[in-house]
Structure formats: structure tokens, C-alpha cells
């Protein structure tokens, strides 16, 4: 009697175990399929849209270049030339030309820029994010004539260079590292530090949080047209309130990042513009008017080798003064004022026409967005 009772119980137990095992196997299979699908999306980029760019126009505008994955080169990319009129395609820089000496893998191309004479290529790679965008990394120069590939800034920490650019004659490269500005000769690798006071609170050649957020200022220095001087922003964030960002997701314990971040009505960074010889030396500070913590120097550019143009806004951002500054004395003259009871925008570019006697200014001062023709020395537009 007892044996007959045990048999159904054993059958039930075996059935439960078998069903449980099958269910577990089905669950494992579903998890495996889900993980594989996630890998297809994020690891293998199977659903990524075809990439276009970065694209750059060449010479007289008859052709442009872009970056395309190289056939047969693991992780490598070609820089490809397209004729603007016919669409004819040709490989201008093959991925194999971008393999650093002593390695077997081509550089990844996050961005690139041609020298003015198209004899050299500056490649941005191994990038890291600074706040919103990947603006820090390594830079390499490819000499198209000799085929040599050389990294610049090798004395700096890896992935620490920002906003590298050729001098107008392509004999030097300027860059920012750890809040200081440097110029490096391409023939012998000699590096000239232009500033040395960069710190957590003194920022040379790049921007603080507010200027990036409000005005899109990241690259904070400019070569003069003759390459002899550099104009740059300097920020002093002493006294700016600290905002703590807590990251609870990337590690076992929270990581706190502290950022100088002025809230509305609180202390801003003190900002000024300096001009320095590209060979080094003292900085000439531009003598802009007003409290440097309560005005914004939103744009700088060169009018000619001796004159810098500046757009200076009040803190309310309803007045924009277009200024010219003498780079030797630092003296400033106001060329034009754009203002509104509500708000004014900065001009991304100010084209000069009529041999430098007139410039074009975009404004909504009349209620609509128009381009105005402004003659130097005239009160009206």
C-alpha cells in the first residue's frame, strides 16, 4: 500500500523538475537572445545609420572630402575625395597611410582639418568628453608630400590636447592642454608655452561652463592672419559657486563631480581677451569696458594682423557692441551697437566687404531677421 502511494508522488516530483528545467532553459534562451540583440545594437552597430563626414571642402570648392570605412582595414577609415560637379569618387588618404609607426592599426578619425595649402592633414583621435562634447584627445599630422605621420603634443598627457589647429603657413600647430596654450613647430618638434598660469580656476584658450552653454564657445584661441600672434580668452572662475553632480550609475559607489556653475544672478567668471606673440612673450590685454564678471565677450576674430574684433554683450544680453581692438596697445573702439528691449543674438560671422570699409551684420532690430550693411564711421546702417 505504501509503495503504491510513493509511485505517484515520485512521478509528480519528476514532472515538476522536468517542467522547471524546461522553463529555466526557455528563460535562459530568451535572455541570451536579448543580450545578442543588445550587442547587435550597441556593440556591433548593425542598425546604425550610414555615416557621412566629417566633410571638408578642398581648395577652390570644386571637391570635398569625407571619411568612409576602409575595405579590409579593421577599424580603419579612408579619407575620400568627391568631385562636386560629377560626384566622381577617389581615395585621397588610404587608411594604411594612417597607421602610426610601430603599430598595425590605423588611427580612428573623430575629426580632421586640412592646412591652408592642403599639404598637411591634422587628425583628431582618441577623444574624451568635456561636459557635452568630445573636445579633448590626441592629434596627429600627416605630411602628404613625405608621407610621414607624426603625433604632436607628445610631452603632454594622453588625450589632453584641445582645439589643435595649423598656423596659416602650416609650419606650426597650436593647441591647449590643461588650461594652457602651446605652439609646436612641425620641423623640429620644439614646443613653446604661451601661457603658464592655467589651473582649475584660471582657464586659457578654452571656456568655462557658461560660455559653452550660453554662447557655444569651446575653442578659445585664434591665430592672426599672418600667424605671428594669437588672440585668446582667459577665464578666472574664482568665487563662482560650485555645483555637485552625483553619478550613481557607473561604479559601485557614487562619484561626485564638482563644476563651477553660476546660477542666475550669482557671480560669473571674470573674462578678458589677450593677444600674445606666437613665439611667446608678454600678453597684451584688451581694454574692454565694464565689469568683466557682468559682461560677456562672446566672440573674437581678426580683422587684420593688427586688429581684433570683439562682440561684447551686457549681462541682460539685450545689447551687443561690436568692437575693434589694437593688438599692440589694447585700445578699443566701438564700431557698431545692436540692441533691443528684449534680447539680441551674437553674429557667428561678420563678413567684411568693400576692402574692409564695410561689414555685414545680421540683426532682428527691426522686428525681423535682416542682414544690414554697416559702413565704418557712419552712424546709420
Protein backbone atom coordinates (compact mmCIF):
# COMPACT_ATOMS: atom_id res chain seq x y z
CA UNK A 1 0.00 0.00 0.00
CA UNK A 2 2.80 2.40 0.97
CA UNK A 3 4.80 1.54 -2.16
CA UNK A 4 1.79 2.24 -4.37
CA UNK A 5 1.43 5.67 -2.77
CA UNK A 6 5.09 6.51 -3.29
CA UNK A 7 4.99 5.93 -7.06
CA UNK A 8 2.54 8.77 -7.92
CA UNK A 9 4.47 11.14 -5.64
CA UNK A 10 7.71 10.33 -7.39
CA UNK A 11 6.07 10.86 -10.77
CA UNK A 12 4.76 14.26 -9.71
CA UNK A 13 8.17 15.31 -8.39
CA UNK A 14 9.89 14.23 -11.60
CA UNK A 15 7.30 16.07 -13.68
CA UNK A 16 7.82 19.28 -11.67
CA UNK A 17 11.57 19.02 -12.05
CA UNK A 18 11.34 18.43 -15.79
CA UNK A 19 8.91 21.29 -16.30
CA UNK A 20 11.01 23.58 -14.15
CA UNK A 21 14.12 22.71 -16.08
CA UNK A 22 12.37 23.35 -19.38
CA UNK A 23 11.08 26.70 -18.15
CA UNK A 24 14.55 27.65 -16.93
CA UNK A 25 16.06 26.67 -20.26
CA UNK A 26 13.46 28.78 -22.09
CA UNK A 27 14.23 31.75 -19.79
CA UNK A 28 17.96 31.35 -20.38
CA UNK A 29 17.38 31.19 -24.12
CA UNK A 30 15.31 34.38 -24.01
CA UNK A 31 17.99 36.20 -22.00
CA UNK A 32 20.67 35.01 -24.39
CA UNK A 33 18.64 36.22 -27.38
CA UNK A 34 18.06 39.58 -25.68
CA UNK A 35 21.76 40.02 -24.92
CA UNK A 36 22.64 39.15 -28.51
CA UNK A 37 20.16 41.73 -29.78
CA UNK A 38 21.58 44.39 -27.45
CA UNK A 39 25.07 43.57 -28.72
CA UNK A 40 23.83 43.95 -32.31
CA UNK A 41 22.53 47.42 -31.46
CA UNK A 42 25.30 48.82 -29.30
CA UNK A 43 28.43 46.70 -29.80
CA UNK A 44 28.21 45.81 -33.50
CA UNK A 45 26.27 48.93 -34.62
CA UNK A 46 24.23 46.82 -37.06
CA UNK A 47 21.36 49.31 -37.01
CA UNK A 48 23.49 52.47 -37.17
CA UNK A 49 22.68 54.85 -39.98
CA UNK A 50 25.34 55.21 -42.67
CA UNK A 51 27.88 57.78 -41.54
CA UNK A 52 28.62 60.89 -43.54
CA UNK A 53 31.53 63.08 -42.65
CA UNK A 54 33.22 64.87 -41.23
CA UNK A 55 33.22 66.59 -44.63
CA UNK A 56 35.60 69.35 -45.68
CA UNK A 57 35.76 71.43 -48.85
CA UNK A 58 39.04 71.44 -50.75
CA UNK A 59 40.82 74.37 -52.38
CA UNK A 60 38.55 76.29 -54.72
CA UNK A 61 35.44 74.36 -53.76
CA UNK A 62 35.39 72.00 -56.74
CA UNK A 63 35.65 68.94 -54.47
CA UNK A 64 35.15 67.86 -50.88
CA UNK A 65 36.48 65.09 -48.67
CA UNK A 66 34.73 62.81 -46.21
CA UNK A 67 35.56 59.79 -44.05
CA UNK A 68 34.48 56.29 -45.12
CA UNK A 69 35.20 52.85 -43.70
CA UNK A 70 38.12 51.24 -45.49
CA UNK A 71 37.62 47.87 -47.14
CA UNK A 72 39.73 45.20 -45.47
CA UNK A 73 41.12 47.51 -42.79
CA UNK A 74 39.90 46.54 -39.34
CA UNK A 75 38.82 49.74 -37.64
CA UNK A 76 40.44 51.87 -40.32
CA UNK A 77 38.95 54.60 -42.48
CA UNK A 78 39.85 56.28 -45.75
CA UNK A 79 39.54 59.99 -46.48
CA UNK A 80 37.71 60.06 -49.78
CA UNK A 81 37.50 62.85 -52.35
CA UNK A 82 34.28 63.59 -54.25
CA UNK A 83 34.10 65.89 -57.24
CA UNK A 84 31.32 68.40 -56.53
CA UNK A 85 30.15 68.56 -60.15
CA UNK A 86 30.37 64.92 -61.25
CA UNK A 87 30.34 63.01 -57.96
CA UNK A 88 33.44 61.10 -59.06
CA UNK A 89 34.97 59.29 -56.08
CA UNK A 90 38.64 58.67 -55.34
CA UNK A 91 40.57 57.69 -52.20
CA UNK A 92 42.74 60.64 -51.24
CA UNK A 93 44.18 59.27 -47.97
CA UNK A 94 44.12 55.48 -47.53
CA UNK A 95 43.73 54.01 -44.06
CA UNK A 96 47.14 52.33 -44.36
CA UNK A 97 48.71 55.81 -44.51
CA UNK A 98 47.30 56.49 -41.04
CA UNK A 99 49.00 53.60 -39.24
CA UNK A 100 51.41 55.06 -36.66
CA UNK A 101 54.97 53.74 -36.79
CA UNK A 102 55.40 50.58 -34.73
CA UNK A 103 51.70 49.72 -34.75
CA UNK A 104 49.38 47.78 -37.04
CA UNK A 105 46.09 49.63 -36.64
CA UNK A 106 45.06 52.83 -38.40
CA UNK A 107 44.09 55.87 -36.37
CA UNK A 108 40.41 56.37 -35.72
CA UNK A 109 39.28 59.68 -37.21
CA UNK A 110 36.99 61.68 -34.95
CA UNK A 111 37.69 64.85 -36.93
CA UNK A 112 40.29 66.31 -39.26
CA UNK A 113 41.31 69.56 -40.92
CA UNK A 114 43.45 70.42 -43.94
CA UNK A 115 46.20 73.01 -43.86
CA UNK A 116 45.51 76.10 -45.97
CA UNK A 117 47.72 74.80 -48.79
CA UNK A 118 46.32 71.24 -48.46
CA UNK A 119 49.84 69.88 -47.94
CA UNK A 120 49.15 68.56 -44.45
CA UNK A 121 46.32 66.87 -42.59
CA UNK A 122 45.61 67.27 -38.86
CA UNK A 123 43.75 64.28 -37.36
CA UNK A 124 41.81 64.30 -34.06
CA UNK A 125 41.60 60.87 -32.40
CA UNK A 126 41.39 59.00 -29.07
CA UNK A 127 38.86 61.56 -27.85
CA UNK A 128 37.28 62.16 -24.46
CA UNK A 129 34.20 64.12 -23.46
CA UNK A 130 34.44 67.51 -21.78
CA UNK A 131 30.98 68.36 -20.45
CA UNK A 132 28.84 67.98 -23.58
CA UNK A 133 31.19 67.11 -26.44
CA UNK A 134 34.38 65.18 -27.12
CA UNK A 135 36.80 68.09 -27.31
CA UNK A 136 39.90 66.52 -25.74
CA UNK A 137 42.12 63.90 -27.36
CA UNK A 138 45.27 63.25 -29.37
CA UNK A 139 46.36 64.93 -32.62
CA UNK A 140 48.49 63.61 -35.48
CA UNK A 141 49.86 65.40 -38.56
CA UNK A 142 50.17 63.64 -41.92
CA UNK A 143 52.55 65.29 -44.38
CA UNK A 144 51.14 64.41 -47.79
CA UNK A 145 54.39 65.08 -49.62
CA UNK A 146 56.68 62.94 -47.46
CA UNK A 147 54.03 60.56 -46.15
CA UNK A 148 55.28 61.00 -42.57
CA UNK A 149 52.77 60.63 -39.74
CA UNK A 150 53.71 62.41 -36.52
CA UNK A 151 51.91 62.95 -33.23
CA UNK A 152 52.00 66.43 -31.73
CA UNK A 153 51.94 67.20 -28.03
CA UNK A 154 53.75 64.01 -27.05
CA UNK A 155 55.09 65.66 -23.89
CA UNK A 156 51.51 66.17 -22.67
CA UNK A 157 49.29 63.54 -21.00
CA UNK A 158 47.41 61.25 -23.38
CA UNK A 159 44.09 62.63 -24.66
CA UNK A 160 44.74 66.03 -23.08
CA UNK A 161 45.04 68.23 -26.19
CA UNK A 162 42.20 70.51 -27.23
CA UNK A 163 41.39 72.55 -30.36
CA UNK A 164 44.67 71.96 -32.20
CA UNK A 165 44.99 73.95 -35.40
CA UNK A 166 47.57 74.78 -38.07
CA UNK A 167 49.19 78.17 -38.23
CA UNK A 168 48.31 79.94 -41.52
CA UNK A 169 51.61 78.81 -43.10
CA UNK A 170 51.20 75.23 -41.75
CA UNK A 171 54.66 75.23 -40.14
CA UNK A 172 53.28 75.06 -36.58
CA UNK A 173 50.35 73.67 -34.64
CA UNK A 174 48.76 75.46 -31.69
CA UNK A 175 46.81 73.62 -29.00
CA UNK A 176 45.51 73.78 -25.43
CA UNK A 177 46.43 71.32 -22.69
CA UNK A 178 45.46 71.58 -19.01
CA UNK A 179 44.23 75.16 -19.48
CA UNK A 180 47.43 76.46 -21.09
CA UNK A 181 48.22 77.32 -24.73
CA UNK A 182 51.17 75.88 -26.64
CA UNK A 183 52.63 76.25 -30.13
CA UNK A 184 54.67 73.38 -31.60
CA UNK A 185 56.97 73.59 -34.62
CA UNK A 186 56.44 70.76 -37.08
CA UNK A 187 60.01 70.67 -38.40
CA UNK A 188 61.83 70.01 -35.12
CA UNK A 189 59.03 69.45 -32.58
CA UNK A 190 60.03 72.43 -30.43
CA UNK A 191 57.15 73.40 -28.12
CA UNK A 192 56.66 76.99 -26.92
CA UNK A 193 54.32 77.51 -23.95
CA UNK A 194 52.44 80.77 -24.41
CA UNK A 195 50.75 80.69 -21.01
CA UNK A 196 51.80 79.06 -17.76
CA UNK A 197 49.20 80.16 -15.20
CA UNK A 198 46.50 77.65 -16.20
CA UNK A 199 44.79 75.96 -13.24
CA UNK A 200 41.40 74.76 -12.06
CA UNK A 201 40.29 78.40 -11.79
CA UNK A 202 42.43 80.10 -14.49
CA UNK A 203 41.42 78.89 -17.94
CA UNK A 204 43.39 79.90 -21.04
CA UNK A 205 42.37 79.09 -24.61
CA UNK A 206 39.12 77.32 -23.82
CA UNK A 207 35.97 78.26 -21.89
CA UNK A 208 34.10 77.89 -18.65
CA UNK A 209 30.68 76.25 -18.36
CA UNK A 210 28.67 79.43 -19.01
CA UNK A 211 30.38 80.43 -22.26
CA UNK A 212 29.99 76.94 -23.64
CA UNK A 213 26.36 76.69 -22.55
CA UNK A 214 25.23 80.21 -23.49
CA UNK A 215 27.42 81.07 -26.48
CA UNK A 216 28.84 77.81 -27.80
CA UNK A 217 32.40 78.93 -27.04
CA UNK A 218 34.74 75.96 -26.72
CA UNK A 219 37.75 76.70 -28.93
CA UNK A 220 39.22 79.72 -27.18
CA UNK A 221 42.18 80.92 -29.29
CA UNK A 222 42.78 82.23 -32.82
CA UNK A 223 45.93 82.66 -34.95
CA UNK A 224 46.30 86.07 -36.59
CA UNK A 225 46.14 86.11 -40.43
CA UNK A 226 49.94 86.35 -40.63
CA UNK A 227 50.45 83.66 -37.97
CA UNK A 228 52.58 85.92 -35.80
CA UNK A 229 50.10 86.39 -32.94
CA UNK A 230 47.38 84.53 -31.07
CA UNK A 231 44.27 86.07 -29.52
CA UNK A 232 42.70 84.09 -26.69
CA UNK A 233 40.11 84.09 -23.92
CA UNK A 234 41.15 83.88 -20.28
CA UNK A 235 38.61 82.96 -17.57
CA UNK A 236 39.02 83.46 -13.83
CA UNK A 237 36.37 81.33 -12.13
CA UNK A 238 37.42 82.25 -8.58
CA UNK A 239 34.31 82.89 -6.50
CA UNK A 240 31.92 81.05 -8.82
CA UNK A 241 29.52 78.75 -6.98
CA UNK A 242 30.24 75.02 -7.13
CA UNK A 243 27.59 72.62 -8.40
CA UNK A 244 27.98 68.95 -7.40
CA UNK A 245 26.93 66.29 -9.90
CA UNK A 246 26.37 62.82 -8.40
CA UNK A 247 26.90 59.79 -10.65
CA UNK A 248 25.21 56.71 -9.16
CA UNK A 249 25.39 54.51 -12.25
CA UNK A 250 28.98 53.95 -13.38
CA UNK A 251 30.52 52.41 -10.26
CA UNK A 252 29.67 50.66 -7.01
CA UNK A 253 29.85 53.90 -5.04
CA UNK A 254 28.61 57.34 -6.15
CA UNK A 255 31.14 59.64 -7.81
CA UNK A 256 30.82 63.38 -7.20
CA UNK A 257 32.00 65.84 -9.88
CA UNK A 258 32.26 69.48 -8.83
CA UNK A 259 31.76 72.13 -11.53
CA UNK A 260 31.95 75.93 -11.16
CA UNK A 261 28.42 76.82 -12.23
CA UNK A 262 26.94 80.29 -11.65
CA UNK A 263 23.19 80.31 -11.25
CA UNK A 264 21.12 83.29 -12.39
CA UNK A 265 22.18 86.44 -10.57
CA UNK A 266 25.25 84.93 -8.93
CA UNK A 267 28.96 85.55 -9.61
CA UNK A 268 30.20 84.84 -13.14
CA UNK A 269 33.78 84.17 -14.20
CA UNK A 270 35.85 87.27 -14.87
CA UNK A 271 36.73 87.14 -18.58
CA UNK A 272 39.29 89.01 -20.63
CA UNK A 273 40.93 88.73 -24.04
CA UNK A 274 44.65 88.74 -24.54
CA UNK A 275 46.96 88.85 -27.56
CA UNK A 276 50.39 87.22 -27.43
CA UNK A 277 53.19 86.55 -29.90
CA UNK A 278 53.14 83.02 -31.29
CA UNK A 279 56.82 82.88 -30.30
CA UNK A 280 55.96 83.61 -26.67
CA UNK A 281 56.34 86.69 -24.50
CA UNK A 282 54.07 89.05 -22.57
CA UNK A 283 50.32 89.23 -23.21
CA UNK A 284 48.65 92.48 -24.24
CA UNK A 285 45.25 92.58 -22.55
CA UNK A 286 42.42 94.18 -24.50
CA UNK A 287 40.92 97.10 -22.58
CA UNK A 288 37.21 96.36 -22.84
CA UNK A 289 34.89 98.47 -20.72
CA UNK A 290 32.61 97.28 -17.93
CA UNK A 291 32.74 94.73 -15.14
CA UNK A 292 34.42 91.59 -16.52
CA UNK A 293 32.06 89.46 -14.42
CA UNK A 294 28.93 91.19 -15.69
CA UNK A 295 29.62 91.49 -19.41
CA UNK A 296 30.17 88.74 -21.98
CA UNK A 297 32.98 88.72 -24.56
CA UNK A 298 31.01 86.35 -26.74
CA UNK A 299 33.06 86.35 -29.97
CA UNK A 300 36.58 87.24 -31.05
CA UNK A 301 38.12 87.30 -34.52
CA UNK A 302 40.80 89.01 -36.54
CA UNK A 303 40.07 91.96 -38.84
CA UNK A 304 43.72 92.13 -39.94
CA UNK A 305 47.10 91.25 -38.43
CA UNK A 306 46.96 94.29 -36.13
CA UNK A 307 43.28 94.42 -35.18
CA UNK A 308 40.98 92.10 -33.26
CA UNK A 309 37.18 92.23 -33.50
CA UNK A 310 35.13 91.53 -30.35
CA UNK A 311 31.42 91.18 -29.67
CA UNK A 312 30.66 92.34 -26.11
CA UNK A 313 27.23 91.77 -24.59
CA UNK A 314 25.80 93.13 -21.37
CA UNK A 315 24.64 90.57 -18.80
CA UNK A 316 21.00 91.08 -19.78
CA UNK A 317 22.01 90.14 -23.33
CA UNK A 318 19.94 92.89 -24.93
CA UNK A 319 22.94 94.91 -26.17
CA UNK A 320 25.81 93.75 -28.39
CA UNK A 321 28.73 96.11 -29.01
CA UNK A 322 30.92 95.28 -31.99
CA UNK A 323 34.42 96.44 -31.05
CA UNK A 324 37.80 96.76 -32.73
CA UNK A 325 40.96 96.48 -30.64
CA UNK A 326 44.56 97.44 -31.42
CA UNK A 327 46.70 94.41 -30.54
CA UNK A 328 49.76 96.48 -29.62
CA UNK A 329 48.14 98.93 -27.21
CA UNK A 330 44.96 97.06 -26.28
CA UNK A 331 42.92 100.19 -27.03
CA UNK A 332 39.30 99.57 -28.03
CA UNK A 333 36.85 101.43 -30.29
CA UNK A 334 33.16 100.68 -30.68
CA UNK A 335 32.26 100.17 -34.33
CA UNK A 336 28.58 99.35 -34.01
CA UNK A 337 25.89 98.70 -31.37
CA UNK A 338 23.00 96.29 -31.81
CA UNK A 339 20.35 96.47 -29.09
CA UNK A 340 16.78 95.54 -28.36
CA UNK A 341 14.40 95.97 -25.39
CA UNK A 342 14.19 92.19 -25.24
CA UNK A 343 17.27 90.26 -26.42
CA UNK A 344 19.98 90.23 -29.09
CA UNK A 345 22.00 87.38 -30.54
CA UNK A 346 25.67 87.17 -31.44
CA UNK A 347 26.81 87.06 -35.07
CA UNK A 348 28.67 83.87 -35.86
CA UNK A 349 30.49 85.58 -38.73
CA UNK A 350 30.95 89.23 -39.63
CA UNK A 351 31.95 89.42 -43.33
CA UNK A 352 33.97 92.44 -44.40
CA UNK A 353 33.35 93.94 -47.85
CA UNK A 354 34.42 97.00 -49.86
CA UNK A 355 38.06 96.50 -48.96
CA UNK A 356 37.37 96.47 -45.24
CA UNK A 357 35.37 99.69 -45.20
CA UNK A 358 32.02 97.94 -44.68
CA UNK A 359 30.79 94.84 -42.88
CA UNK A 360 27.57 92.82 -42.90
CA UNK A 361 25.58 92.39 -39.67
CA UNK A 362 22.62 90.11 -39.02
CA UNK A 363 20.03 91.51 -36.62
CA UNK A 364 16.36 91.45 -35.61
CA UNK A 365 16.44 95.10 -34.52
CA UNK A 366 13.66 95.96 -36.97
CA UNK A 367 11.39 93.16 -35.78
CA UNK A 368 12.53 90.72 -38.46
CA UNK A 369 15.80 88.96 -39.13
CA UNK A 370 17.69 91.04 -41.72
CA UNK A 371 21.27 91.46 -42.90
CA UNK A 372 22.45 95.06 -42.57
CA UNK A 373 25.29 96.77 -44.42
CA UNK A 374 27.31 98.87 -41.96
CA UNK A 375 29.87 101.40 -43.15
CA UNK A 376 32.73 102.24 -40.77
CA UNK A 377 32.37 105.76 -39.34
CA UNK A 378 28.69 106.09 -40.31
CA UNK A 379 26.03 106.34 -37.62
CA UNK A 380 23.33 104.60 -39.62
CA UNK A 381 23.07 101.21 -41.32
